[in-house]
Structure formats: structure tokens, C-alpha cells
Amino acid sequence: MTDDQHYDVVIIGTGAGGGTLGHRLATNGAKVLWLERGPFLPRERDNWQTEAVFVRGKYLAKELWYDRHGREFQPEVNYYVGGNTKFYGAALFRLRPEDFGELRHHGGISPAWPISYDDLEPYYTQAEHLYLVHGQHGEDPSEGHASAQYAHPPVSHEPRIQQLNDDLEKLGLHPFHLPIGVNLREVEPGRVARASACIRCDRVDGFPCLLNAKSDSQVICVDPVLSQDNVTLVTGAQVQRLETDASGHSVTEVVTTLDDGTETRFTGDIVVVACGAVNSAALLLRSRQDRHPDGLANSSGVVGRHYMRHNNIALMTVSREPNPTLFQKTLAMNDWYLGSDDWDYPLGGIQMLGKSDDEEIRAQSPRWAGKISPDLPFEVLAHHAVDFWLCGEDLPQPDNRVTLDADDAIHLSIDEKNNVEGVKRLRHKLDGLLGKLGMHEHHLLDRSLYLYRSMPIGATAHQAGTVRFGRDRATSALDVNCKAHDLDNLYVVDTSFFPSIGAVNPSLTAIANALRVGDHLTERLG
């Protein structure tokens, strides 16, 4: 059946891109429909249980994708209102200005963007203010200029992390407060205000927030506008394909299967795809038709190609002194982001992770056999743990791609050795510092559960790049406003549009771009 309403904009997905765009358009008066394939995430004690979230993967989508050899795997995707932001760590970094230009890496070239840092900078500021980012511009020498300071002060370091900060500074390095999106008020360092939503707990990273104190797109963008007459949200709505008019120039219907199995068609002046880089590419490929035999927006042949996911390493080291820190995710360092004194190519950045606990350590203990004292109880080891996240750039290769088989099942091909030398050297740099930072030397242990069991193909949390934007329609699917070159009313606003991914978490860039596209669409809609 066909929905009896027509919308200004139909947005498929409620994550960082789709949720933010919908909020912007709804606030500006547009009639918005969000289609979300999942429900609202249930608020329950398992939200904060390591065994449920990381060991059992309770909230992961119950679906299988296939690698290039046809082997099935479970991807790290979450289908809920708010998308993957319900489970992200809310580390909200800007790309560096250099990331918008061509960068030479050890493994190849990171291509330039069709817009500059200056083009996106005002929207970065708006995104930081909207998502309640806490930080301090000016601390990180690698960052670009900011037109305004963060609206909220940085989250203070707890004593062991403050000592780590001080030790790094003594070595001539430049640690800074990690920019993080949380609804937190501190009356003094480490002491939470009575009215603060965030309580500075140890569940800050990778867990959904039971208190709605993490800046995910449901809390920040969807919930605040749901009561407006111009906003509709349909959950349990899996979009099967997009259909066009006879000319093939405009999307006319969004064909959707609802939870009860019925097929419903939705219509809008503008249709926006924001399903995540893999699913957005799959939807466009699945929407092939006579006028678009290779899929929508794909006259260039790039849809599904140039998939990126970052070269990440999650690590735990063991402090000589106890580390009773709860809210550990407050520090980062980019001294080797673009290179080092002994290497001319970018290495990437270092951030703190959420604190390891004894359940996670127990689950990973077989992998660590022989690397730590067998007599050290898990609880004691967890009390001495200090956790790091290393992030290096993954390069956009055309054969790293999303394809569909005859049954429209998703296949994902990646080169797991793509430009990995930089992050390997970054790990070596950190390893060489441990003794000077009060840690047991050469005890960098892989936190494989956090990285979806040591970053196999299923680690898709930072997926990007499959529907890239650009000025040349022969090598890109979208124009600079993220509109499909081939269609008049189709846009893509998740991280699919990235031509390169840099070496910082991609969420803030997706949010800022959604605000930019939102202003463009507001003007277009009049």
C-alpha cells in the first residue's frame, strides 16, 4: 500500500548523518519522515553489562554478510533509533586541515576532498555545540583553526590519567583533552554537579547510556523534535529499494517492508539515504532498474567501491600503580599524526579508551596466555589496566568494496594489509614510552573484544567511503552537496560520501556535513 502523506524529505536512517539532517530540517520547518529499520533501544541493565554488550554481542544486528570468499560473518552494526551512535564512544574529532588535501602515505595516496577544511569549519563548530562536545581548542597543535571555542569545558582527568598527561608533557609531547560528547556538568574536577545527566561512570565507551547522557543522535536530534507536527518517525521500516519515474531522473517511491511484513511505499520531494556506508551502497545497488542497470547513482561505477574502516588497534597496558579511574576517556595525542622524526609518512593518533574491567579481561585471557603473570587475579589486573586506542588511516582502494549476489545478500571485500605500516609504527612508539609512563614495559595487550575480536572484517564501526562525493561525475557518485549526479532529488549524508577517512573518528565530520547539506536543502525547499 502507499502511505497517504507526501513529505518534503524522506530520510532513511537516524544515525549521525540522518538523525542530524532530520533535526536541522525539522527545526527549519520542513515536513520530515524518518524511516528506521530498528526499534528504540530497550533501556535495561544489560545496556551496561560487559558480558551482554561485548562478549555475547546482544545488541548486534542478527544478520550475516559474506567476505570475498563467500564465508559468512556477523557485522558490527546496530539497528536502533540513533543507529551506531547508540554504541559509539562519542569521541568527536575534526579532521585535520591536511586531511582535506592529498596526502602521501607509506601505502599510497589519500585523495583530496572537493571541499576544504574552511568550507566545513563553521559546521564543525555548530556540530560541536549541538552535540554538547566538551574540549579545549588550542591544546592540540595538529588541529585546524576554530571559529569558536567548545561550548563546554573539557572533561577533567582523574588522577592516574592526569599523571599520564604530565609524564607525556615531560617527554616533550603534546597530550590534550579528548573532545567527547556527553551531557556532563562538573562543579570541580572529578565532582559531578547534582543536576548533571552524566555521572562520570566507567560505561562511557561502547555501551549505550542508560541515563541518556551520551550525545547520540537519538538523544540529541530525534527525541527533541518528535513531538512536532512536521515530523514523523516510522520504526521497524526496512527499505528494500528506491523507484524512479520513467525518465530515471527522480526517485518517486521508497519501497519499505514494515515489521508486520506489509509493504508500504513512501513519497517525498527529496529522498536522503543515510543507512551506513555498507547498507547505503547496498540499497543503491539493490535499486537497479532499466534506466540504472548498475544501481542508482552509479553511472560512474563507484557505488560500493573505496570502502574504508580505519586501521585501528585497541590496547591495554598494565600500570605499576593502581589505576582506579572510572571515566578514562579524557586524553588524546596527535604528535605523530602526519609523521615523525624517523618516518616521513603519517602514523595516526592515540586516544584513551573506556576502562577495561575484569569480565572483559577474563573473556580475553586465553589470547594473553604467557604475556602476563598467571598468578595475577583478573580483578587486580583490571585495577591496574590503562587502555589506549590507536587509529591510522585506511586508504580508499577500488577493490575494497560492497557487492550483492544473486539473492541480494551483502558481500564485503577488504584488503586487511592496506596501509598498516603507519599504525604498526604508532604502536611501537607507544610501546617505547611505557617504562617512562609508569607502565610495565612490553605489556601492550590487544583488547580484541572492543575491536570486534581483533579487527576482522566484521569490525565495521568506522565504515566509510562507498558513495564518494566529488566534482568529476566520472569518478564520483555525488556532487559537492551530496546529491547524486544522476538524479535530481537523491542525496546521501552518512559517511558513504567520504573520499578519504583521515585518522580520527568520523562521526563529527558526518554530523557537520549533515548540517551543511541541511542548509542546502532548506534553501532548495524554499
Protein backbone atom coordinates (compact mmCIF):
# COMPACT_ATOMS: atom_id res chain seq x y z
CA MET A 1 0.00 0.00 0.00
CA THR A 2 1.05 3.65 -0.32
CA ASP A 3 1.32 5.99 2.64
CA ASP A 4 -1.34 8.69 2.29
CA GLN A 5 1.07 11.53 3.12
CA HIS A 6 3.70 13.21 0.98
CA TYR A 7 6.78 14.61 2.71
CA ASP A 8 9.25 17.34 1.92
CA VAL A 9 12.09 14.98 2.81
CA VAL A 10 12.24 11.24 3.42
CA ILE A 11 15.36 10.26 5.37
CA ILE A 12 16.40 6.61 5.54
CA GLY A 13 18.33 6.16 8.78
CA THR A 14 18.56 8.03 12.09
CA GLY A 15 22.29 7.85 12.85
CA ALA A 16 24.91 10.61 12.88
CA GLY A 17 24.07 11.71 9.33
CA GLY A 18 20.35 11.01 9.01
CA GLY A 19 19.43 11.96 12.57
CA THR A 20 21.30 15.25 12.40
CA LEU A 21 19.92 16.16 8.98
CA GLY A 22 16.36 15.44 10.08
CA HIS A 23 16.77 17.62 13.15
CA ARG A 24 18.11 20.50 11.07
CA LEU A 25 15.31 20.29 8.50
CA ALA A 26 12.56 19.80 11.06
CA THR A 27 13.79 22.78 13.07
CA ASN A 28 13.67 24.83 9.85
CA GLY A 29 10.04 23.84 9.24
CA ALA A 30 10.33 21.06 6.64
CA LYS A 31 7.92 18.12 6.73
CA VAL A 32 10.27 15.24 7.58
CA LEU A 33 9.81 11.47 7.56
CA TRP A 34 12.45 9.28 9.19
CA LEU A 35 12.48 5.59 8.26
CA GLU A 36 14.44 3.46 10.74
CA ARG A 37 14.74 -0.30 10.31
CA GLY A 38 15.21 -0.90 14.04
CA PRO A 39 13.22 -0.04 17.19
CA PHE A 40 14.18 2.22 20.06
CA LEU A 41 16.91 0.53 22.06
CA PRO A 42 15.39 -1.02 25.20
CA ARG A 43 16.67 0.59 28.39
CA GLU A 44 17.72 -2.31 30.60
CA ARG A 45 20.55 -3.36 32.87
CA ASP A 46 22.23 -5.26 30.05
CA ASN A 47 22.98 -1.87 28.44
CA TRP A 48 25.83 -1.57 30.93
CA GLN A 49 26.91 -5.22 31.16
CA THR A 50 30.24 -6.13 29.53
CA GLU A 51 29.15 -9.73 29.06
CA ALA A 52 25.99 -8.69 27.21
CA VAL A 53 27.46 -5.89 25.07
CA PHE A 54 30.92 -7.19 24.21
CA VAL A 55 31.06 -10.92 24.94
CA ARG A 56 27.60 -12.00 23.70
CA GLY A 57 27.04 -9.08 21.32
CA LYS A 58 23.42 -8.91 22.45
CA TYR A 59 22.62 -5.72 20.56
CA LEU A 60 24.35 -6.52 17.27
CA ALA A 61 22.14 -7.00 14.23
CA LYS A 62 21.17 -10.63 13.79
CA GLU A 63 22.23 -10.86 10.18
CA LEU A 64 25.12 -12.27 8.19
CA TRP A 65 27.26 -10.73 5.48
CA TYR A 66 29.86 -12.55 3.36
CA ASP A 67 33.52 -11.90 2.65
CA ARG A 68 35.15 -12.11 -0.78
CA HIS A 69 35.47 -15.90 -0.42
CA GLY A 70 31.79 -16.36 0.41
CA ARG A 71 32.43 -17.00 4.10
CA GLU A 72 29.72 -15.60 6.37
CA PHE A 73 30.40 -13.24 9.26
CA GLN A 74 28.35 -11.14 11.65
CA PRO A 75 28.99 -7.41 11.11
CA GLU A 76 29.38 -4.89 13.91
CA VAL A 77 26.20 -2.95 13.15
CA ASN A 78 23.34 -1.87 15.39
CA TYR A 79 19.85 -1.20 14.07
CA TYR A 80 18.14 1.15 16.51
CA VAL A 81 16.88 4.71 16.53
CA GLY A 82 20.15 6.61 16.67
CA GLY A 83 21.97 3.97 14.62
CA ASN A 84 25.52 3.14 15.60
CA THR A 85 25.76 6.32 17.68
CA LYS A 86 23.91 4.43 20.41
CA PHE A 87 27.11 2.39 20.82
CA TYR A 88 29.84 4.79 19.71
CA GLY A 89 32.36 6.24 22.13
CA ALA A 90 31.25 9.84 21.39
CA ALA A 91 34.83 10.91 20.60
CA LEU A 92 34.01 13.82 18.31
CA PHE A 93 37.15 14.97 16.47
CA ARG A 94 37.51 17.27 13.50
CA LEU A 95 39.55 16.03 10.57
CA ARG A 96 42.88 17.86 10.35
CA PRO A 97 43.11 20.52 7.59
CA GLU A 98 45.69 18.36 5.82
CA ASP A 99 43.16 15.53 5.60
CA PHE A 100 41.15 17.57 3.09
CA GLY A 101 44.11 17.69 0.70
CA GLU A 102 46.07 14.93 -0.98
CA LEU A 103 48.31 13.10 1.50
CA ARG A 104 51.08 10.67 0.65
CA HIS A 105 51.14 7.59 2.88
CA HIS A 106 53.51 4.66 3.01
CA GLY A 107 50.79 2.53 1.41
CA GLY A 108 49.63 5.00 -1.24
CA ILE A 109 47.76 8.25 -1.75
CA SER A 110 44.90 9.60 0.35
CA PRO A 111 42.94 11.71 -2.16
CA ALA A 112 41.84 15.31 -1.74
CA TRP A 113 38.27 16.28 -0.93
CA PRO A 114 36.23 18.54 -3.24
CA ILE A 115 35.72 20.92 -0.31
CA SER A 116 38.26 22.36 2.12
CA TYR A 117 38.55 22.44 5.89
CA ASP A 118 37.47 26.09 5.74
CA ASP A 119 34.26 25.12 3.94
CA LEU A 120 33.31 22.72 6.73
CA GLU A 121 34.73 24.66 9.68
CA PRO A 122 31.58 26.67 10.56
CA TYR A 123 29.60 23.44 10.58
CA TYR A 124 32.18 21.72 12.77
CA THR A 125 31.56 24.46 15.33
CA GLN A 126 27.79 24.06 15.05
CA ALA A 127 28.14 20.28 15.35
CA GLU A 128 30.28 20.58 18.49
CA HIS A 129 27.74 22.86 20.11
CA LEU A 130 24.74 20.75 19.10
CA TYR A 131 26.31 17.50 20.35
CA LEU A 132 27.48 19.02 23.67
CA VAL A 133 31.15 18.34 22.91
CA HIS A 134 33.48 19.01 25.84
CA GLY A 135 37.01 20.03 24.92
CA GLN A 136 39.57 22.83 24.62
CA HIS A 137 40.56 24.19 21.21
CA GLY A 138 44.20 25.25 21.12
CA GLU A 139 45.66 22.33 23.09
CA ASP A 140 46.32 20.08 20.08
CA PRO A 141 49.00 21.51 17.75
CA SER A 142 47.72 19.36 14.86
CA GLU A 143 44.18 20.79 14.82
CA GLY A 144 42.91 23.43 12.43
CA HIS A 145 41.60 26.85 13.41
CA ALA A 146 38.25 27.03 15.19
CA SER A 147 35.84 29.94 14.77
CA ALA A 148 34.52 29.41 18.30
CA GLN A 149 35.62 27.62 21.44
CA TYR A 150 33.79 24.48 22.56
CA ALA A 151 30.61 25.43 24.41
CA HIS A 152 31.56 23.08 27.26
CA PRO A 153 34.86 22.77 29.14
CA PRO A 154 36.97 19.63 28.78
CA VAL A 155 36.16 16.64 30.94
CA SER A 156 38.74 16.65 33.72
CA HIS A 157 41.32 13.88 34.04
CA GLU A 158 41.17 11.57 37.03
CA PRO A 159 44.47 11.40 38.97
CA ARG A 160 46.11 8.46 37.13
CA ILE A 161 45.29 9.96 33.71
CA GLN A 162 46.45 13.40 34.86
CA GLN A 163 49.76 11.77 35.81
CA LEU A 164 49.91 10.16 32.36
CA ASN A 165 49.29 13.59 30.81
CA ASP A 166 52.07 15.14 32.90
CA ASP A 167 54.53 12.34 32.07
CA LEU A 168 53.86 12.75 28.35
CA GLU A 169 54.44 16.50 28.60
CA LYS A 170 57.76 15.89 30.38
CA LEU A 171 58.81 13.86 27.34
CA GLY A 172 58.15 16.89 25.12
CA LEU A 173 54.88 15.51 23.72
CA HIS A 174 51.53 17.30 23.41
CA PRO A 175 48.63 15.41 25.02
CA PHE A 176 45.29 17.19 25.04
CA HIS A 177 41.79 16.73 26.38
CA LEU A 178 39.84 14.33 24.16
CA PRO A 179 36.74 16.03 22.68
CA ILE A 180 33.78 13.98 23.84
CA GLY A 181 30.01 14.40 23.57
CA VAL A 182 28.41 13.98 26.99
CA ASN A 183 25.80 15.87 28.98
CA LEU A 184 28.10 16.49 31.94
CA ARG A 185 28.43 19.28 34.48
CA GLU A 186 31.29 19.26 36.97
CA VAL A 187 31.31 21.56 39.99
CA GLU A 188 35.03 20.89 40.34
CA PRO A 189 37.40 18.43 38.63
CA GLY A 190 36.02 14.91 39.07
CA ARG A 191 32.98 16.04 41.07
CA VAL A 192 29.69 15.89 39.21
CA ALA A 193 27.00 18.51 39.71
CA ARG A 194 23.80 17.22 41.28
CA ALA A 195 21.79 18.10 38.17
CA SER A 196 24.27 16.57 35.72
CA ALA A 197 22.85 13.85 33.49
CA CYS A 198 26.28 12.19 33.14
CA ILE A 199 27.67 10.69 36.36
CA ARG A 200 31.25 10.03 35.10
CA CYS A 201 30.81 6.26 35.28
CA ASP A 202 33.00 3.54 33.75
CA ARG A 203 30.48 2.67 30.99
CA VAL A 204 31.34 5.63 28.77
CA ASP A 205 32.81 3.78 25.77
CA GLY A 206 30.98 1.30 23.55
CA PHE A 207 28.00 0.94 25.88
CA PRO A 208 24.62 2.60 25.31
CA CYS A 209 23.92 5.12 28.05
CA LEU A 210 21.11 4.18 30.44
CA LEU A 211 20.91 7.80 31.58
CA ASN A 212 20.65 9.26 28.06
CA ALA A 213 23.72 11.31 28.96
CA LYS A 214 25.81 10.38 25.91
CA SER A 215 25.37 12.60 22.86
CA ASP A 216 23.93 10.05 20.45
CA SER A 217 21.69 11.16 17.60
CA GLN A 218 18.51 9.81 19.19
CA VAL A 219 19.02 11.89 22.33
CA ILE A 220 20.37 14.99 20.61
CA CYS A 221 18.42 15.10 17.35
CA VAL A 222 15.47 12.70 17.14
CA ASP A 223 13.81 12.94 20.55
CA PRO A 224 13.76 16.78 20.72
CA VAL A 225 11.68 17.15 17.53
CA LEU A 226 9.42 14.07 17.64
CA SER A 227 6.54 15.99 19.16
CA GLN A 228 6.46 18.47 16.27
CA ASP A 229 3.59 18.17 13.79
CA ASN A 230 6.02 18.27 10.85
CA VAL A 231 7.98 15.18 11.99
CA THR A 232 7.13 11.51 11.53
CA LEU A 233 9.25 8.55 12.61
CA VAL A 234 8.46 5.02 11.41
CA THR A 235 10.46 2.30 13.16
CA GLY A 236 10.73 -1.31 12.03
CA ALA A 237 10.88 0.02 8.46
CA GLN A 238 13.40 -1.77 6.23
CA VAL A 239 13.76 -0.03 2.89
CA GLN A 240 14.03 -2.57 0.08
CA ARG A 241 14.58 -0.30 -2.92
CA LEU A 242 14.06 3.13 -4.41
CA GLU A 243 11.94 3.50 -7.55
CA THR A 244 12.19 6.32 -10.08
CA ASP A 245 9.98 7.95 -12.66
CA ALA A 246 10.05 6.82 -16.29
CA SER A 247 12.91 9.19 -17.12
CA GLY A 248 15.04 7.77 -14.30
CA HIS A 249 15.86 11.29 -13.13
CA SER A 250 13.88 11.40 -9.86
CA VAL A 251 13.15 8.98 -7.04
CA THR A 252 9.38 8.67 -6.77
CA GLU A 253 8.83 5.95 -4.16
CA VAL A 254 10.65 4.45 -1.20
CA VAL A 255 9.56 0.80 -1.08
CA THR A 256 9.63 -0.41 2.52
CA THR A 257 8.83 -3.60 4.40
CA LEU A 258 7.39 -2.99 7.86
CA ASP A 259 7.82 -5.25 10.88
CA ASP A 260 4.44 -6.88 10.28
CA GLY A 261 5.53 -7.93 6.79
CA THR A 262 3.44 -5.42 4.87
CA GLU A 263 4.97 -3.45 2.00
CA THR A 264 4.44 0.31 2.16
CA ARG A 265 5.53 2.99 -0.29
CA PHE A 266 6.53 6.45 0.91
CA THR A 267 6.99 9.56 -1.21
CA GLY A 268 8.83 12.83 -0.79
CA ASP A 269 10.22 15.74 -2.79
CA ILE A 270 13.70 14.80 -1.56
CA VAL A 271 14.96 11.31 -0.63
CA VAL A 272 18.04 11.01 1.58
CA VAL A 273 19.95 7.77 2.11
CA ALA A 274 21.78 7.51 5.45
CA CYS A 275 21.93 3.79 6.26
CA GLY A 276 25.68 3.48 6.92
CA ALA A 277 28.32 3.10 4.22
CA VAL A 278 27.71 -0.60 3.57
CA ASN A 279 23.90 -0.56 3.68
CA SER A 280 23.61 2.70 1.74
CA ALA A 281 25.69 1.26 -1.08
CA ALA A 282 23.69 -1.98 -0.92
CA LEU A 283 20.39 -0.07 -1.16
CA LEU A 284 21.53 1.86 -4.23
CA LEU A 285 22.81 -1.31 -5.88
CA ARG A 286 19.59 -3.14 -4.98
CA SER A 287 17.58 -0.36 -6.66
CA ARG A 288 18.89 -1.19 -10.15
CA GLN A 289 16.33 -0.74 -12.94
CA ASP A 290 16.21 -0.22 -16.68
CA ARG A 291 17.42 3.37 -16.55
CA HIS A 292 20.02 2.49 -13.91
CA PRO A 293 21.10 -1.10 -14.66
CA ASP A 294 24.12 -0.93 -12.31
CA GLY A 295 22.21 0.63 -9.44
CA LEU A 296 21.08 4.17 -8.61
CA ALA A 297 23.68 6.96 -8.72
CA ASN A 298 26.16 4.54 -10.28
CA SER A 299 26.85 5.71 -13.82
CA SER A 300 30.46 6.19 -12.65
CA GLY A 301 30.67 2.62 -11.33
CA VAL A 302 31.99 3.79 -7.95
CA VAL A 303 28.99 2.87 -5.77
CA GLY A 304 30.12 0.22 -3.32
CA ARG A 305 33.81 0.85 -4.04
CA HIS A 306 36.53 2.57 -1.95
CA TYR A 307 35.23 1.13 1.33
CA MET A 308 37.27 2.28 4.35
CA ARG A 309 37.17 1.40 8.05
CA HIS A 310 40.39 2.79 9.67
CA ASN A 311 43.38 0.76 10.78
CA ASN A 312 42.63 0.56 14.50
CA ILE A 313 44.33 -1.13 17.43
CA ALA A 314 42.74 -1.31 20.88
CA LEU A 315 45.31 -1.99 23.61
CA MET A 316 45.57 -2.50 27.33
CA THR A 317 48.74 -1.96 29.30
CA VAL A 318 49.44 -2.57 32.99
CA SER A 319 50.24 0.34 35.28
CA ARG A 320 52.76 -0.22 38.09
CA GLU A 321 50.50 1.83 40.34
CA PRO A 322 46.76 1.14 40.61
CA ASN A 323 44.50 2.89 38.14
CA PRO A 324 41.16 3.43 39.91
CA THR A 325 39.96 5.68 37.07
CA LEU A 326 36.29 5.35 36.12
CA PHE A 327 35.84 7.90 33.30
CA GLN A 328 39.09 7.15 31.49
CA LYS A 329 38.30 8.53 28.03
CA THR A 330 39.67 12.06 28.56
CA LEU A 331 43.09 12.20 26.85
CA ALA A 332 44.44 12.02 23.29
CA MET A 333 47.69 12.77 21.46
CA ASN A 334 48.42 13.52 17.77
CA ASP A 335 52.17 14.21 17.80
CA TRP A 336 52.76 11.63 15.05
CA TYR A 337 49.54 12.17 13.12
CA LEU A 338 51.33 13.40 9.98
CA GLY A 339 54.77 11.85 10.53
CA SER A 340 57.62 11.51 13.00
CA ASP A 341 61.31 12.30 13.33
CA ASP A 342 62.20 8.86 11.95
CA TRP A 343 59.46 8.41 9.32
CA ASP A 344 58.09 10.75 6.66
CA TYR A 345 54.60 9.27 6.43
CA PRO A 346 51.54 9.69 8.69
CA LEU A 347 51.26 7.32 11.65
CA GLY A 348 47.92 8.34 13.17
CA GLY A 349 46.62 9.29 16.61
CA ILE A 350 46.40 7.90 20.13
CA GLN A 351 43.34 8.16 22.38
CA MET A 352 42.26 6.74 25.69
CA LEU A 353 39.60 4.03 25.71
CA GLY A 354 36.94 3.24 28.28
CA LYS A 355 38.33 1.29 31.22
CA SER A 356 38.86 -2.47 30.95
CA ASP A 357 37.02 -4.49 33.56
CA ASP A 358 37.58 -7.99 34.92
CA GLU A 359 34.81 -9.53 32.76
CA GLU A 360 36.46 -8.33 29.57
CA ILE A 361 39.91 -9.43 30.75
CA ARG A 362 38.57 -12.86 31.70
CA ALA A 363 36.97 -13.26 28.26
CA GLN A 364 40.26 -12.39 26.55
CA SER A 365 42.61 -14.25 28.89
CA PRO A 366 43.31 -17.20 26.54
CA ARG A 367 44.73 -14.74 23.99
CA TRP A 368 47.04 -13.29 26.60
CA ALA A 369 48.43 -16.57 27.94
CA GLY A 370 52.12 -16.20 28.74
CA LYS A 371 52.11 -12.40 28.38
CA ILE A 372 51.08 -11.59 31.94
CA SER A 373 51.56 -13.22 35.30
CA PRO A 374 49.26 -16.23 35.67
CA ASP A 375 49.13 -15.50 39.41
CA LEU A 376 47.63 -12.04 38.94
CA PRO A 377 43.84 -12.21 39.51
CA PHE A 378 41.65 -10.66 36.83
CA GLU A 379 40.25 -8.15 39.33
CA VAL A 380 43.76 -6.94 40.25
CA LEU A 381 44.83 -6.78 36.62
CA ALA A 382 41.73 -4.72 35.78
CA HIS A 383 42.54 -2.35 38.65
CA HIS A 384 45.96 -1.68 37.06
CA ALA A 385 44.78 -1.52 33.44
CA VAL A 386 45.27 1.58 31.29
CA ASP A 387 43.64 1.42 27.87
CA PHE A 388 44.57 3.03 24.55
CA TRP A 389 43.06 3.31 21.07
CA LEU A 390 45.41 3.73 18.12
CA CYS A 391 43.88 4.99 14.87
CA GLY A 392 45.61 5.02 11.47
CA GLU A 393 44.27 5.89 8.04
CA ASP A 394 42.83 3.24 5.76
CA LEU A 395 43.19 4.14 2.07
CA PRO A 396 40.30 4.06 -0.45
CA GLN A 397 41.03 1.21 -2.83
CA PRO A 398 38.51 0.43 -5.60
CA ASP A 399 38.58 -3.30 -4.87
CA ASN A 400 37.67 -2.73 -1.21
CA ARG A 401 34.00 -2.85 -1.98
CA VAL A 402 30.41 -3.80 -1.29
CA THR A 403 28.69 -6.09 -3.79
CA LEU A 404 25.43 -8.05 -3.90
CA ASP A 405 24.97 -11.64 -5.00
CA ALA A 406 22.01 -13.02 -6.98
CA ASP A 407 19.93 -13.09 -3.79
CA ASP A 408 20.93 -9.51 -2.90
CA ALA A 409 22.98 -10.70 0.09
CA ILE A 410 25.79 -8.32 1.04
CA HIS A 411 29.40 -9.25 0.24
CA LEU A 412 32.25 -7.14 1.60
CA SER A 413 35.79 -7.35 0.24
CA ILE A 414 38.71 -5.69 2.02
CA ASP A 415 42.49 -5.74 1.96
CA GLU A 416 43.39 -6.16 5.63
CA LYS A 417 47.00 -5.11 4.97
CA ASN A 418 46.03 -1.78 3.42
CA ASN A 419 48.43 0.93 4.71
CA VAL A 420 49.01 -0.77 8.07
CA GLU A 421 52.67 0.17 8.49
CA GLY A 422 51.83 3.55 10.00
CA VAL A 423 49.71 2.23 12.86
CA LYS A 424 52.26 -0.53 13.49
CA ARG A 425 54.90 2.17 13.98
CA LEU A 426 52.49 4.10 16.19
CA ARG A 427 52.17 1.03 18.41
CA HIS A 428 55.95 0.76 18.52
CA LYS A 429 56.17 4.41 19.58
CA LEU A 430 53.74 3.82 22.44
CA ASP A 431 55.49 0.62 23.45
CA GLY A 432 58.77 2.51 23.74
CA LEU A 433 57.20 5.02 26.14
CA LEU A 434 55.65 2.60 28.61
CA GLY A 435 58.53 2.48 31.07
CA LYS A 436 58.60 6.29 31.25
CA LEU A 437 54.85 6.43 31.80
CA GLY A 438 54.74 4.23 34.89
CA MET A 439 53.67 1.10 32.99
CA HIS A 440 55.11 -2.39 32.83
CA GLU A 441 57.24 -2.43 29.68
CA HIS A 442 56.25 -4.53 26.66
CA HIS A 443 52.81 -5.30 28.06
CA LEU A 444 50.68 -3.87 25.25
CA LEU A 445 47.84 -6.37 25.15
CA ASP A 446 45.20 -6.48 22.41
CA ARG A 447 41.67 -5.60 23.57
CA SER A 448 40.20 -7.85 20.93
CA LEU A 449 36.63 -7.73 22.21
CA TYR A 450 36.50 -3.97 21.86
CA LEU A 451 37.74 -4.24 18.28
CA TYR A 452 35.30 -6.99 17.42
CA ARG A 453 37.75 -9.78 18.07
CA SER A 454 40.92 -8.11 16.83
CA MET A 455 39.61 -6.28 13.78
CA PRO A 456 38.50 -8.97 11.37
CA ILE A 457 36.26 -7.99 8.51
CA GLY A 458 33.28 -7.70 10.85
CA ALA A 459 34.68 -4.58 12.56
CA THR A 460 32.57 -2.06 10.67
CA ALA A 461 32.09 0.68 13.29
CA HIS A 462 34.05 3.28 11.26
CA GLN A 463 32.77 2.27 7.83
CA ALA A 464 33.00 4.97 5.15
CA GLY A 465 33.57 5.79 1.53
CA THR A 466 31.27 3.69 -0.66
CA VAL A 467 29.31 6.54 -2.34
CA ARG A 468 32.01 9.21 -2.58
CA PHE A 469 31.37 12.82 -3.48
CA GLY A 470 33.39 14.89 -5.94
CA ARG A 471 33.34 17.40 -8.77
CA ASP A 472 34.01 14.86 -11.54
CA ARG A 473 30.94 12.72 -12.21
CA ALA A 474 33.15 10.13 -13.93
CA THR A 475 34.93 9.33 -10.63
CA SER A 476 32.28 10.12 -8.00
CA ALA A 477 28.63 9.33 -7.31
CA LEU A 478 27.66 12.59 -5.55
CA ASP A 479 28.25 16.29 -6.14
CA VAL A 480 29.66 18.65 -3.50
CA ASN A 481 26.22 18.96 -1.87
CA CYS A 482 25.98 15.17 -1.62
CA LYS A 483 23.28 14.99 -4.31
CA ALA A 484 23.58 12.10 -6.75
CA HIS A 485 24.99 13.26 -10.09
CA ASP A 486 22.48 11.03 -11.88
CA LEU A 487 19.25 12.01 -10.07
CA ASP A 488 17.58 15.28 -9.24
CA ASN A 489 16.31 14.51 -5.74
CA LEU A 490 18.55 11.81 -4.21
CA TYR A 491 21.11 12.65 -1.50
CA VAL A 492 23.46 10.58 0.69
CA VAL A 493 24.57 12.01 4.07
CA ASP A 494 26.20 9.24 6.11
CA THR A 495 29.95 8.53 5.94
CA SER A 496 29.50 6.96 2.50
CA PHE A 497 30.35 10.34 0.96
CA PHE A 498 33.94 10.38 2.36
CA PRO A 499 36.64 10.27 -0.37
CA SER A 500 39.19 9.61 2.41
CA ILE A 501 38.81 8.92 6.12
CA GLY A 502 41.76 10.55 7.91
CA ALA A 503 42.85 9.05 11.22
CA VAL A 504 40.21 10.35 13.63
CA ASN A 505 36.74 9.09 14.45
CA PRO A 506 34.44 10.02 11.53
CA SER A 507 31.24 10.91 13.41
CA LEU A 508 31.75 14.65 13.87
CA THR A 509 32.54 15.07 10.17
CA ALA A 510 29.34 13.20 9.26
CA ILE A 511 27.39 15.42 11.67
CA ALA A 512 28.94 18.66 10.38
CA ASN A 513 28.31 17.64 6.78
CA ALA A 514 24.68 16.79 7.56
CA LEU A 515 24.24 20.33 8.91
CA ARG A 516 25.85 21.70 5.73
CA VAL A 517 23.58 19.64 3.49
CA GLY A 518 20.64 20.59 5.70
CA ASP A 519 21.21 24.27 4.95
CA HIS A 520 21.45 23.48 1.24
CA LEU A 521 18.17 21.52 1.32
CA THR A 522 16.41 24.22 3.35
CA GLU A 523 17.32 26.72 0.66
CA ARG A 524 16.29 24.32 -2.10
CA LEU A 525 12.91 23.66 -0.48
CA GLY A 526 12.31 27.36 -0.01
